C-alpha atoms as a PDB file:
ATOM      1  CA  MET A   1    -195.181-179.453  42.719  1.00  0.00           C
ATOM      2  CA  SER A   2    -193.522-182.685  41.885  1.00  0.00           C
ATOM      3  CA  ASP A   3    -191.490-183.343  38.948  1.00  0.00           C
ATOM      4  CA  LEU A   4    -194.273-185.266  37.393  1.00  0.00           C
ATOM      5  CA  ASP A   5    -196.668-182.231  37.892  1.00  0.00           C
ATOM      6  CA  GLY A   6    -194.285-180.054  36.085  1.00  0.00           C
ATOM      7  CA  LEU A   7    -194.243-182.455  33.214  1.00  0.00           C
ATOM      8  CA  ILE A   8    -197.912-182.932  33.017  1.00  0.00           C
ATOM      9  CA  ASN A   9    -198.163-179.194  32.947  1.00  0.00           C
ATOM     10  CA  LEU A  10    -196.070-179.334  29.735  1.00  0.00           C
ATOM     11  CA  ILE A  11    -198.558-181.462  27.870  1.00  0.00           C
ATOM     12  CA  PRO A  12    -201.029-179.821  25.721  1.00  0.00           C
ATOM     13  CA  ILE A  13    -204.064-181.507  27.266  1.00  0.00           C
ATOM     14  CA  GLY A  14    -206.623-179.391  25.416  1.00  0.00           C
ATOM     15  CA  ASP A  15    -205.428-180.598  22.258  1.00  0.00           C
ATOM     16  CA  ILE A  16    -205.466-183.930  23.383  1.00  0.00           C
ATOM     17  CA  ALA A  17    -209.344-183.522  24.484  1.00  0.00           C
ATOM     18  CA  LYS A  18    -210.209-182.074  21.047  1.00  0.00           C
ATOM     19  CA  LYS A  19    -208.357-184.948  19.104  1.00  0.00           C
ATOM     20  CA  LEU A  20    -210.241-187.580  20.924  1.00  0.00           C
ATOM     21  CA  GLY A  21    -213.393-185.638  21.223  1.00  0.00           C
ATOM     22  CA  ILE A  22    -213.501-186.069  25.132  1.00  0.00           C
ATOM     23  CA  ASP A  23    -214.036-183.482  27.725  1.00  0.00           C
ATOM     24  CA  GLU A  24    -210.713-181.654  29.044  1.00  0.00           C
ATOM     25  CA  ASN A  25    -211.199-182.852  32.568  1.00  0.00           C
ATOM     26  CA  ILE A  26    -211.251-186.540  31.305  1.00  0.00           C
ATOM     27  CA  ALA A  27    -208.192-186.050  29.112  1.00  0.00           C
ATOM     28  CA  ARG A  28    -206.333-184.415  32.187  1.00  0.00           C
ATOM     29  CA  THR A  29    -207.175-187.360  34.222  1.00  0.00           C
ATOM     30  CA  ALA A  30    -206.080-189.909  31.868  1.00  0.00           C
ATOM     31  CA  VAL A  31    -202.669-188.121  31.276  1.00  0.00           C
ATOM     32  CA  ALA A  32    -202.291-187.555  34.912  1.00  0.00           C
ATOM     33  CA  VAL A  33    -202.701-191.621  35.173  1.00  0.00           C
ATOM     34  CA  ALA A  34    -200.542-192.423  32.011  1.00  0.00           C
ATOM     35  CA  VAL A  35    -197.613-190.164  32.651  1.00  0.00           C
ATOM     36  CA  PRO A  36    -196.514-191.801  35.871  1.00  0.00           C
ATOM     37  CA  ALA A  37    -196.848-195.181  33.981  1.00  0.00           C
ATOM     38  CA  ILE A  38    -194.960-194.139  31.020  1.00  0.00           C
ATOM     39  CA  VAL A  39    -192.051-192.389  33.109  1.00  0.00           C
ATOM     40  CA  GLY A  40    -191.766-195.457  35.157  1.00  0.00           C
ATOM     41  CA  GLY A  41    -191.650-197.899  32.186  1.00  0.00           C
ATOM     42  CA  LEU A  42    -188.728-195.641  30.818  1.00  0.00           C
ATOM     43  CA  ALA A  43    -187.068-195.914  34.193  1.00  0.00           C
ATOM     44  CA  ALA A  44    -187.310-199.591  34.081  1.00  0.00           C
ATOM     45  CA  ASN A  45    -185.811-199.720  30.398  1.00  0.00           C
ATOM     46  CA  ALA A  46    -183.116-197.268  31.478  1.00  0.00           C
ATOM     47  CA  SER A  47    -182.219-199.257  34.513  1.00  0.00           C
ATOM     48  CA  ASN A  48    -179.351-200.990  32.785  1.00  0.00           C
ATOM     49  CA  ALA A  49    -176.665-199.740  30.542  1.00  0.00           C
ATOM     50  CA  ASP A  50    -177.837-201.047  27.183  1.00  0.00           C
ATOM     51  CA  GLY A  51    -181.282-199.745  27.900  1.00  0.00           C
ATOM     52  CA  ALA A  52    -180.093-196.382  29.044  1.00  0.00           C
ATOM     53  CA  LYS A  53    -177.982-196.280  25.693  1.00  0.00           C
ATOM     54  CA  LYS A  54    -180.956-197.213  23.446  1.00  0.00           C
ATOM     55  CA  LEU A  55    -183.334-194.663  25.389  1.00  0.00           C
ATOM     56  CA  GLU A  56    -180.766-191.902  25.253  1.00  0.00           C
ATOM     57  CA  SER A  57    -180.212-192.736  21.408  1.00  0.00           C
ATOM     58  CA  ALA A  58    -184.094-192.521  20.835  1.00  0.00           C
ATOM     59  CA  LEU A  59    -184.304-189.328  22.754  1.00  0.00           C
ATOM     60  CA  GLY A  60    -181.529-187.595  21.186  1.00  0.00           C
ATOM     61  CA  HIS A  61    -183.205-186.050  18.388  1.00  0.00           C
ATOM     62  CA  HIS A  62    -186.044-184.597  20.170  1.00  0.00           C
ATOM     63  CA  ASP A  63    -184.839-181.115  21.256  1.00  0.00           C
ATOM     64  CA  LYS A  64    -187.907-179.242  20.081  1.00  0.00           C
ATOM     65  CA  ALA A  65    -190.342-178.017  22.687  1.00  0.00           C
ATOM     66  CA  VAL A  66    -193.808-179.438  22.304  1.00  0.00           C
ATOM     67  CA  THR A  67    -196.656-176.906  22.245  1.00  0.00           C
ATOM     68  CA  SER A  68    -199.439-178.677  20.302  1.00  0.00           C
ATOM     69  CA  LEU A  69    -200.018-182.163  19.088  1.00  0.00           C
ATOM     70  CA  ASP A  70    -198.808-181.255  15.691  1.00  0.00           C
ATOM     71  CA  ASP A  71    -195.327-181.007  17.312  1.00  0.00           C
ATOM     72  CA  VAL A  72    -195.467-184.626  18.272  1.00  0.00           C
ATOM     73  CA  ASP A  73    -194.181-187.412  16.060  1.00  0.00           C
ATOM     74  CA  GLU A  74    -196.694-190.129  17.369  1.00  0.00           C
ATOM     75  CA  ALA A  75    -195.269-193.076  15.496  1.00  0.00           C
ATOM     76  CA  ASP A  76    -191.647-192.179  16.753  1.00  0.00           C
ATOM     77  CA  GLY A  77    -193.224-191.835  20.341  1.00  0.00           C
ATOM     78  CA  ALA A  78    -194.920-195.084  19.998  1.00  0.00           C
ATOM     79  CA  LYS A  79    -191.602-196.510  19.517  1.00  0.00           C
ATOM     80  CA  ILE A  80    -189.954-194.961  22.509  1.00  0.00           C
ATOM     81  CA  VAL A  81    -192.776-195.843  24.813  1.00  0.00           C
END
């Protein structure tokens, strides 16, 4: 299992499917495509000291495990992404 697979397995895909009104398999496929792109973008932003410091600051207060979409601050996540 890759690190990305482990990350994807932590995402509440059923909740995403329900919120969007789509089949869970479609949501799983979308997440499987989106996660590597998001992680790649975060890595690119963190590739220099200034970007890494900003990302670390943005993520610093996110220590709660996400078990449902209710645990996600969508506005803050949009800022980070």
